Amino acid sequence: MESDTRIYLDNAATSFPKPEPVVRAVTEYLTQCGVAAGRGNSHRATELDGRIAGCRAGLARLWNAESPREIVFTFNGTDSLNLAIHGALRPGDHVVTTELEHNSVLRPMRVWETEREVSVTSIPPEADGRVSPARIAAAWRPNTRLVALTHASNVTGAIQPIKQVGELLRTRPEILFLVDAAQTAGHIPIDVQQSRIDLLCCSGHKGLLGPLGTGVVYLRSSRVAEVRSLRQGGTGSQSESLDQPTASPDKYESGNPNAAGLVGLAAAVEWIHAQGVGTLAEQTFQRVGQLYEGLSSNPSVRVLSPAPSLVPNVGVISFVVDGIDPRITATLLDAHFGIEVRAGLHCAPLVHRSLGSLETGGTVRASVGPFTTEADIDALLTALMMITTAM
């Protein structure tokens, strides 16, 4: 029997529901505006450009960037990471990264490693699910160009020590520090100055609560000359020149932006500021603690994420049910209880190798968001108890 309820616990894939102002902003753009961004002189075009500029300013304030011009818009988190990685690396470079990374980092790195004479050192996580800053620093070489580190694992939810890594990197100012904030942007506070981050990449549709088809790169102003643009073309600026603009953000934003997505993202960022990212983070920590404790109390469930009481967690818990393929567990939860989670490898195969779940279909992943309630968590725990007792 299929359930007619809906409990959404897949926020690590994309957030749902969106705040009401986001829905309203996108609808108003599509029904009342509809012009291209940066390419018109009408009052509607001017108003749209102001909304997008406000989005840059809001993101800069969210992350303590020095200038809104350090905020570059892309089309998703993968696009952001491709810009950062392909734009920064050169043949002969060395990269230090980790086994916690998403394929959006691992696959571009693989191209450089196999085709472009770049060497890559991947640091495994410690027993608590975090990488050691000392081990990252010990891997540096004279030709190390880039350190790439996820801020939180999209499989275990464990938040990584980016501030400590950034402090160590102050002794090597020539090394670029790239942080993949796909799982943390909007969920928890980030300070790019304090953490000495040069490149911060994320999608706009997860913790930032905007629409799909939006992505963001924070690029430190002093590093713009070191990061190539991947696309060249119309930017709506310096149109008299055949050369690509050299200043950010125009250097990186060729082609018409996703205006509908960006006005939605602007509304989402405003909503996050109004709530307070610290308040949202505390709510996430409460929900994920409830989730972890409840899952751990089921003797047929094995939790693969570290305890949030010991390792801060961004709101993501992975688990497996003894004797049931993770994909079957997810299907049962959806079909019979209306609970949406994600099962599989989550595009992060090296994490599953370290967890021992690579060959067994990965994990079931439940991920909370700002609209997740205690009742939602209780419903998942009850459903899993019913599934496991029926085995």
Protein backbone atom coordinates (compact mmCIF):
# COMPACT_ATOMS: atom_id res chain seq x y z
CA MET A 1 0.00 0.00 0.00
CA GLU A 2 1.42 3.37 -1.07
CA SER A 3 1.57 6.30 1.33
CA ASP A 4 -0.09 9.62 0.50
CA THR A 5 2.10 11.52 2.97
CA ARG A 6 5.40 13.15 2.13
CA ILE A 7 8.35 13.47 4.49
CA TYR A 8 11.39 14.88 2.78
CA LEU A 9 14.78 13.85 4.21
CA ASP A 10 17.01 14.27 1.16
CA ASN A 11 18.23 17.83 1.67
CA ALA A 12 21.82 16.86 0.95
CA ALA A 13 20.73 16.27 -2.66
CA THR A 14 18.62 19.41 -2.89
CA SER A 15 16.66 21.37 -0.31
CA PHE A 16 12.89 21.11 -0.13
CA PRO A 17 10.66 22.89 0.46
CA LYS A 18 12.03 26.26 -0.56
CA PRO A 19 11.18 29.32 1.52
CA GLU A 20 8.04 31.00 0.23
CA PRO A 21 9.90 34.19 -0.84
CA VAL A 22 12.03 32.06 -3.19
CA VAL A 23 8.97 30.64 -4.93
CA ARG A 24 7.44 34.11 -5.17
CA ALA A 25 10.62 35.68 -6.59
CA VAL A 26 11.00 33.06 -9.33
CA THR A 27 7.31 33.24 -10.23
CA GLU A 28 7.37 37.04 -10.43
CA TYR A 29 10.45 36.96 -12.64
CA LEU A 30 8.90 34.43 -15.04
CA THR A 31 5.47 36.11 -15.17
CA GLN A 32 6.29 39.81 -14.84
CA CYS A 33 9.94 40.42 -15.76
CA GLY A 34 11.55 37.92 -18.14
CA VAL A 35 14.40 40.14 -19.37
CA ALA A 36 18.06 39.12 -19.67
CA ALA A 37 20.47 40.12 -16.91
CA GLY A 38 23.23 42.61 -17.67
CA ARG A 39 22.00 43.18 -21.21
CA GLY A 40 19.33 45.85 -21.16
CA ASN A 41 18.54 49.46 -20.27
CA SER A 42 14.86 49.15 -19.43
CA HIS A 43 13.61 49.71 -15.91
CA ARG A 44 12.93 46.00 -15.60
CA ALA A 45 16.49 45.15 -16.66
CA THR A 46 17.86 47.68 -14.19
CA GLU A 47 15.74 46.22 -11.40
CA LEU A 48 16.87 42.68 -12.27
CA ASP A 49 20.54 43.72 -12.25
CA GLY A 50 19.98 45.24 -8.82
CA ARG A 51 18.53 41.98 -7.50
CA ILE A 52 21.52 40.01 -8.78
CA ALA A 53 23.95 42.57 -7.35
CA GLY A 54 22.11 42.25 -4.06
CA CYS A 55 22.57 38.50 -4.19
CA ARG A 56 26.34 38.96 -4.60
CA ALA A 57 26.39 41.36 -1.68
CA GLY A 58 24.34 39.01 0.48
CA LEU A 59 26.65 36.07 -0.20
CA ALA A 60 29.73 38.21 0.41
CA ARG A 61 28.28 39.22 3.78
CA LEU A 62 27.33 35.62 4.58
CA TRP A 63 30.94 34.47 4.12
CA ASN A 64 32.78 37.65 5.17
CA ALA A 65 34.24 38.24 1.71
CA GLU A 66 35.99 41.54 1.14
CA SER A 67 33.89 42.50 -1.90
CA PRO A 68 30.76 41.35 -3.75
CA ARG A 69 32.95 41.19 -6.86
CA GLU A 70 34.60 38.14 -5.32
CA ILE A 71 31.30 36.27 -5.80
CA VAL A 72 31.06 34.49 -9.16
CA PHE A 73 27.87 32.82 -10.36
CA THR A 74 27.93 29.44 -12.11
CA PHE A 75 25.30 26.92 -13.13
CA ASN A 76 25.72 24.39 -10.31
CA GLY A 77 28.21 23.16 -7.73
CA THR A 78 29.99 20.93 -10.25
CA ASP A 79 30.43 23.90 -12.57
CA SER A 80 31.88 25.86 -9.65
CA LEU A 81 34.40 23.14 -8.82
CA ASN A 82 35.38 22.73 -12.46
CA LEU A 83 36.07 26.46 -12.68
CA ALA A 84 38.20 26.34 -9.54
CA ILE A 85 40.16 23.20 -10.40
CA HIS A 86 40.63 23.57 -14.15
CA GLY A 87 41.15 27.31 -13.79
CA ALA A 88 43.85 27.01 -11.14
CA LEU A 89 45.97 24.01 -12.09
CA ARG A 90 48.93 23.87 -14.47
CA PRO A 91 50.92 20.87 -15.78
CA GLY A 92 53.51 19.76 -13.26
CA ASP A 93 51.54 20.92 -10.22
CA HIS A 94 50.91 18.84 -7.10
CA VAL A 95 47.52 18.70 -5.34
CA VAL A 96 46.65 17.57 -1.84
CA THR A 97 43.07 16.42 -1.41
CA THR A 98 41.21 13.79 0.62
CA GLU A 99 39.30 10.55 0.29
CA LEU A 100 36.18 12.35 1.50
CA GLU A 101 35.68 14.25 -1.73
CA HIS A 102 32.75 14.14 -4.12
CA ASN A 103 33.25 13.04 -7.73
CA SER A 104 32.92 16.70 -8.71
CA VAL A 105 36.40 17.08 -7.21
CA LEU A 106 37.77 13.60 -7.84
CA ARG A 107 36.98 13.42 -11.55
CA PRO A 108 38.47 16.78 -12.58
CA MET A 109 41.53 15.86 -10.51
CA ARG A 110 41.69 12.54 -12.31
CA VAL A 111 41.85 14.32 -15.68
CA TRP A 112 44.82 16.38 -14.51
CA GLU A 113 46.50 13.35 -12.99
CA THR A 114 46.15 11.07 -16.04
CA GLU A 115 46.41 13.56 -18.88
CA ARG A 116 48.23 16.68 -17.69
CA GLU A 117 51.17 15.63 -15.51
CA VAL A 118 49.67 16.67 -12.20
CA SER A 119 50.33 14.52 -9.13
CA VAL A 120 47.58 14.07 -6.54
CA THR A 121 47.90 13.01 -2.89
CA SER A 122 44.66 11.88 -1.24
CA ILE A 123 44.58 11.89 2.55
CA PRO A 124 42.31 9.28 4.20
CA PRO A 125 40.05 10.26 7.10
CA GLU A 126 40.90 9.35 10.67
CA ALA A 127 38.75 6.96 12.71
CA ASP A 128 36.43 9.81 13.70
CA GLY A 129 35.62 10.64 10.06
CA ARG A 130 37.74 13.80 9.89
CA VAL A 131 41.00 14.37 8.08
CA SER A 132 44.03 15.43 10.07
CA PRO A 133 45.32 18.94 9.28
CA ALA A 134 48.81 17.74 10.22
CA ARG A 135 48.63 14.95 7.66
CA ILE A 136 47.51 17.42 5.00
CA ALA A 137 50.45 19.71 5.81
CA ALA A 138 52.88 16.78 5.86
CA ALA A 139 51.89 15.97 2.27
CA TRP A 140 52.88 19.38 0.88
CA ARG A 141 55.72 19.52 -1.63
CA PRO A 142 57.66 22.41 -3.15
CA ASN A 143 55.37 22.26 -6.22
CA THR A 144 52.08 21.95 -4.32
CA ARG A 145 49.65 24.29 -6.03
CA LEU A 146 46.31 23.43 -4.47
CA VAL A 147 44.76 21.98 -1.33
CA ALA A 148 41.17 20.83 -2.00
CA LEU A 149 39.02 19.89 0.98
CA THR A 150 35.32 19.28 1.41
CA HIS A 151 33.85 21.22 4.31
CA ALA A 152 31.57 18.31 5.23
CA SER A 153 31.26 14.81 3.86
CA ASN A 154 28.08 14.31 1.86
CA VAL A 155 28.06 10.69 3.08
CA THR A 156 28.77 10.93 6.81
CA GLY A 157 28.01 14.59 7.46
CA ALA A 158 31.24 15.02 9.45
CA ILE A 159 32.40 18.64 9.36
CA GLN A 160 36.07 19.00 8.46
CA PRO A 161 38.63 21.27 10.18
CA ILE A 162 38.96 23.90 7.45
CA LYS A 163 39.96 26.65 9.88
CA GLN A 164 42.92 24.62 11.18
CA VAL A 165 44.01 23.72 7.64
CA GLY A 166 43.75 27.38 6.64
CA GLU A 167 45.92 28.41 9.58
CA LEU A 168 48.62 25.97 8.49
CA LEU A 169 48.39 27.26 4.93
CA ARG A 170 49.35 30.77 6.07
CA THR A 171 52.93 29.45 6.09
CA ARG A 172 52.60 28.57 2.39
CA PRO A 173 50.90 31.60 0.79
CA GLU A 174 51.57 30.34 -2.74
CA ILE A 175 49.24 27.35 -2.23
CA LEU A 176 45.59 27.91 -3.16
CA PHE A 177 43.02 26.64 -0.67
CA LEU A 178 39.83 25.31 -2.25
CA VAL A 179 36.89 24.40 -0.02
CA ASP A 180 33.90 22.46 -1.35
CA ALA A 181 31.04 23.92 0.67
CA ALA A 182 28.24 22.11 -1.17
CA GLN A 183 26.95 20.63 2.09
CA THR A 184 27.69 23.54 4.42
CA ALA A 185 26.93 26.83 2.66
CA GLY A 186 23.79 28.20 4.30
CA HIS A 187 23.74 25.45 6.93
CA ILE A 188 26.60 26.64 9.14
CA PRO A 189 28.69 29.82 9.46
CA ILE A 190 31.66 30.19 7.08
CA ASP A 191 34.31 32.92 7.28
CA VAL A 192 36.62 32.93 4.28
CA GLN A 193 39.00 35.39 5.92
CA GLN A 194 39.32 33.49 9.18
CA SER A 195 39.79 30.17 7.40
CA ARG A 196 42.20 31.61 4.78
CA ILE A 197 40.07 30.28 1.89
CA ASP A 198 40.98 31.31 -1.65
CA LEU A 199 38.22 29.43 -3.49
CA LEU A 200 34.88 28.43 -1.96
CA CYS A 201 32.53 26.45 -4.20
CA CYS A 202 28.93 25.43 -3.71
CA SER A 203 25.61 24.94 -5.41
CA GLY A 204 22.80 27.39 -4.79
CA HIS A 205 20.08 24.79 -4.34
CA LYS A 206 21.14 22.93 -1.19
CA GLY A 207 21.79 24.76 2.08
CA LEU A 208 21.48 28.12 0.31
CA LEU A 209 17.85 27.13 -0.45
CA GLY A 210 17.78 28.55 -3.97
CA PRO A 211 16.63 26.92 -7.21
CA LEU A 212 18.46 24.21 -9.10
CA GLY A 213 20.71 25.47 -11.89
CA THR A 214 22.57 27.92 -9.65
CA GLY A 215 26.11 27.73 -8.31
CA VAL A 216 28.59 30.05 -6.63
CA VAL A 217 32.34 30.50 -6.41
CA TYR A 218 33.97 32.81 -3.90
CA LEU A 219 37.32 33.80 -5.44
CA ARG A 220 39.69 35.91 -3.40
CA SER A 221 40.51 39.13 -5.29
CA SER A 222 44.25 38.69 -4.95
CA ARG A 223 44.00 35.31 -6.71
CA VAL A 224 41.96 36.31 -9.79
CA ALA A 225 45.04 36.58 -12.00
CA GLU A 226 45.98 32.99 -11.09
CA VAL A 227 42.65 31.39 -12.04
CA ARG A 228 41.80 31.15 -15.74
CA SER A 229 38.30 31.55 -17.12
CA LEU A 230 36.91 28.38 -18.70
CA ARG A 231 34.42 30.12 -20.97
CA GLN A 232 34.87 33.18 -23.13
CA GLY A 233 32.14 35.22 -24.76
CA GLY A 234 29.58 37.90 -24.13
CA THR A 235 29.55 39.36 -20.64
CA GLY A 236 27.50 42.50 -21.24
CA SER A 237 30.65 44.51 -20.47
CA GLN A 238 33.64 45.81 -22.47
CA SER A 239 31.86 44.80 -25.66
CA GLU A 240 34.23 46.89 -27.79
CA SER A 241 37.11 44.52 -26.97
CA LEU A 242 37.75 41.08 -28.46
CA ASP A 243 39.62 40.13 -25.29
CA GLN A 244 37.89 38.50 -22.34
CA PRO A 245 37.55 40.86 -19.34
CA THR A 246 40.23 40.27 -16.73
CA ALA A 247 38.34 41.39 -13.63
CA SER A 248 35.99 39.27 -11.53
CA PRO A 249 33.15 38.46 -11.86
CA ASP A 250 32.93 39.31 -15.60
CA LYS A 251 36.05 37.24 -16.35
CA TYR A 252 34.16 34.07 -15.41
CA GLU A 253 30.53 34.79 -16.29
CA SER A 254 30.27 34.57 -20.08
CA GLY A 255 26.81 33.98 -21.49
CA ASN A 256 23.35 34.74 -20.18
CA PRO A 257 23.05 33.84 -16.50
CA ASN A 258 20.14 31.88 -15.08
CA ALA A 259 18.22 35.01 -14.14
CA ALA A 260 15.20 33.16 -12.76
CA GLY A 261 17.46 31.02 -10.61
CA LEU A 262 19.48 33.97 -9.37
CA VAL A 263 16.49 36.04 -8.27
CA GLY A 264 15.36 32.95 -6.39
CA LEU A 265 18.80 32.59 -4.86
CA ALA A 266 18.77 36.28 -3.90
CA ALA A 267 15.49 35.75 -2.04
CA ALA A 268 16.90 32.63 -0.37
CA VAL A 269 20.01 34.45 0.86
CA GLU A 270 17.84 37.25 2.24
CA TRP A 271 15.75 34.63 4.06
CA ILE A 272 18.87 33.00 5.53
CA HIS A 273 20.14 36.35 6.80
CA ALA A 274 16.75 37.07 8.36
CA GLN A 275 16.72 33.72 10.19
CA GLY A 276 20.40 33.89 11.12
CA VAL A 277 22.77 31.19 9.90
CA GLY A 278 23.77 30.45 13.50
CA THR A 279 20.14 29.78 14.38
CA LEU A 280 19.75 27.50 11.37
CA ALA A 281 22.92 25.65 12.34
CA GLU A 282 21.70 25.07 15.89
CA GLN A 283 18.41 23.70 14.57
CA THR A 284 20.34 21.37 12.25
CA PHE A 285 22.49 20.11 15.12
CA GLN A 286 19.37 19.36 17.20
CA ARG A 287 17.65 17.43 14.41
CA VAL A 288 20.71 15.43 13.43
CA GLY A 289 21.34 14.54 17.07
CA GLN A 290 17.79 13.24 17.36
CA LEU A 291 18.26 11.28 14.13
CA TYR A 292 21.54 9.71 15.21
CA GLU A 293 20.31 8.70 18.65
CA GLY A 294 17.14 7.19 17.27
CA LEU A 295 18.89 5.20 14.56
CA SER A 296 21.51 3.97 17.03
CA SER A 297 18.79 2.59 19.29
CA ASN A 298 17.54 0.21 16.58
CA PRO A 299 19.57 -3.02 16.90
CA SER A 300 19.06 -3.84 13.21
CA VAL A 301 20.44 -0.50 12.00
CA ARG A 302 24.14 0.21 11.68
CA VAL A 303 25.01 3.92 11.64
CA LEU A 304 28.14 4.77 9.65
CA SER A 305 28.32 8.46 10.55
CA PRO A 306 30.28 9.47 13.66
CA ALA A 307 28.26 10.57 16.67
CA PRO A 308 27.31 14.27 16.29
CA SER A 309 28.03 14.72 19.99
CA LEU A 310 31.68 13.91 19.24
CA VAL A 311 32.11 15.19 15.68
CA PRO A 312 30.04 18.18 14.49
CA ASN A 313 27.64 17.11 11.76
CA VAL A 314 26.11 19.23 9.00
CA GLY A 315 22.81 17.32 9.05
CA VAL A 316 23.65 14.11 7.15
CA ILE A 317 23.51 10.59 8.58
CA SER A 318 24.34 7.41 6.64
CA PHE A 319 23.17 4.01 7.81
CA VAL A 320 22.42 0.49 6.62
CA VAL A 321 19.76 -1.97 7.72
CA ASP A 322 21.15 -5.43 8.37
CA GLY A 323 20.21 -7.85 5.61
CA ILE A 324 18.55 -5.28 3.32
CA ASP A 325 20.14 -3.62 0.31
CA PRO A 326 20.18 0.17 0.89
CA ARG A 327 18.21 0.78 -2.30
CA ILE A 328 15.47 -1.58 -1.14
CA THR A 329 15.33 0.18 2.23
CA ALA A 330 14.91 3.54 0.49
CA THR A 331 12.22 2.14 -1.80
CA LEU A 332 10.28 0.70 1.13
CA LEU A 333 10.44 3.99 3.03
CA ASP A 334 9.15 5.91 0.02
CA ALA A 335 6.47 3.50 -1.15
CA HIS A 336 4.94 2.56 2.19
CA PHE A 337 5.69 5.53 4.45
CA GLY A 338 6.10 8.52 2.12
CA ILE A 339 9.63 9.14 3.42
CA GLU A 340 12.18 10.31 0.85
CA VAL A 341 15.84 9.51 1.51
CA ARG A 342 18.69 8.64 -0.82
CA ALA A 343 20.45 5.31 -1.22
CA GLY A 344 23.67 4.40 -3.02
CA LEU A 345 27.21 5.74 -3.24
CA HIS A 346 26.25 9.44 -3.32
CA CYS A 347 28.97 10.16 -5.94
CA ALA A 348 31.68 9.71 -3.29
CA PRO A 349 33.22 6.25 -3.85
CA LEU A 350 36.39 6.72 -1.78
CA VAL A 351 34.37 7.49 1.35
CA HIS A 352 32.47 4.23 0.93
CA ARG A 353 35.73 2.38 0.43
CA SER A 354 36.93 3.64 3.81
CA LEU A 355 33.56 2.80 5.43
CA GLY A 356 33.49 -0.70 3.93
CA SER A 357 30.22 0.00 2.07
CA LEU A 358 31.56 0.33 -1.48
CA GLU A 359 30.88 -3.28 -2.47
CA THR A 360 27.53 -3.58 -0.71
CA GLY A 361 25.56 -0.87 -2.46
CA GLY A 362 26.57 2.10 -0.33
CA THR A 363 24.31 3.46 2.38
CA VAL A 364 20.93 4.95 3.09
CA ARG A 365 21.37 8.68 3.65
CA ALA A 366 18.92 10.81 5.59
CA SER A 367 19.59 14.55 5.54
CA VAL A 368 17.75 17.30 7.35
CA GLY A 369 17.00 20.89 6.39
CA PRO A 370 15.60 24.01 8.02
CA PHE A 371 12.02 22.77 7.60
CA THR A 372 12.63 19.29 9.02
CA THR A 373 10.60 18.71 12.18
CA GLU A 374 10.95 16.40 15.15
CA ALA A 375 7.88 14.60 13.85
CA ASP A 376 9.63 13.94 10.53
CA ILE A 377 12.53 12.26 12.34
CA ASP A 378 10.17 10.27 14.54
CA ALA A 379 8.32 9.07 11.45
CA LEU A 380 11.53 7.76 9.91
CA LEU A 381 12.54 6.00 13.11
CA THR A 382 9.10 4.40 13.46
CA ALA A 383 9.10 3.27 9.83
CA LEU A 384 12.52 1.68 10.20
CA MET A 385 11.43 -0.12 13.36
CA MET A 386 8.43 -1.51 11.49
CA ILE A 387 10.63 -2.62 8.58
CA THR A 388 13.22 -4.28 10.79
CA THR A 389 10.74 -6.06 13.05
CA ALA A 390 8.99 -7.45 9.97
CA MET A 391 12.20 -9.02 8.66
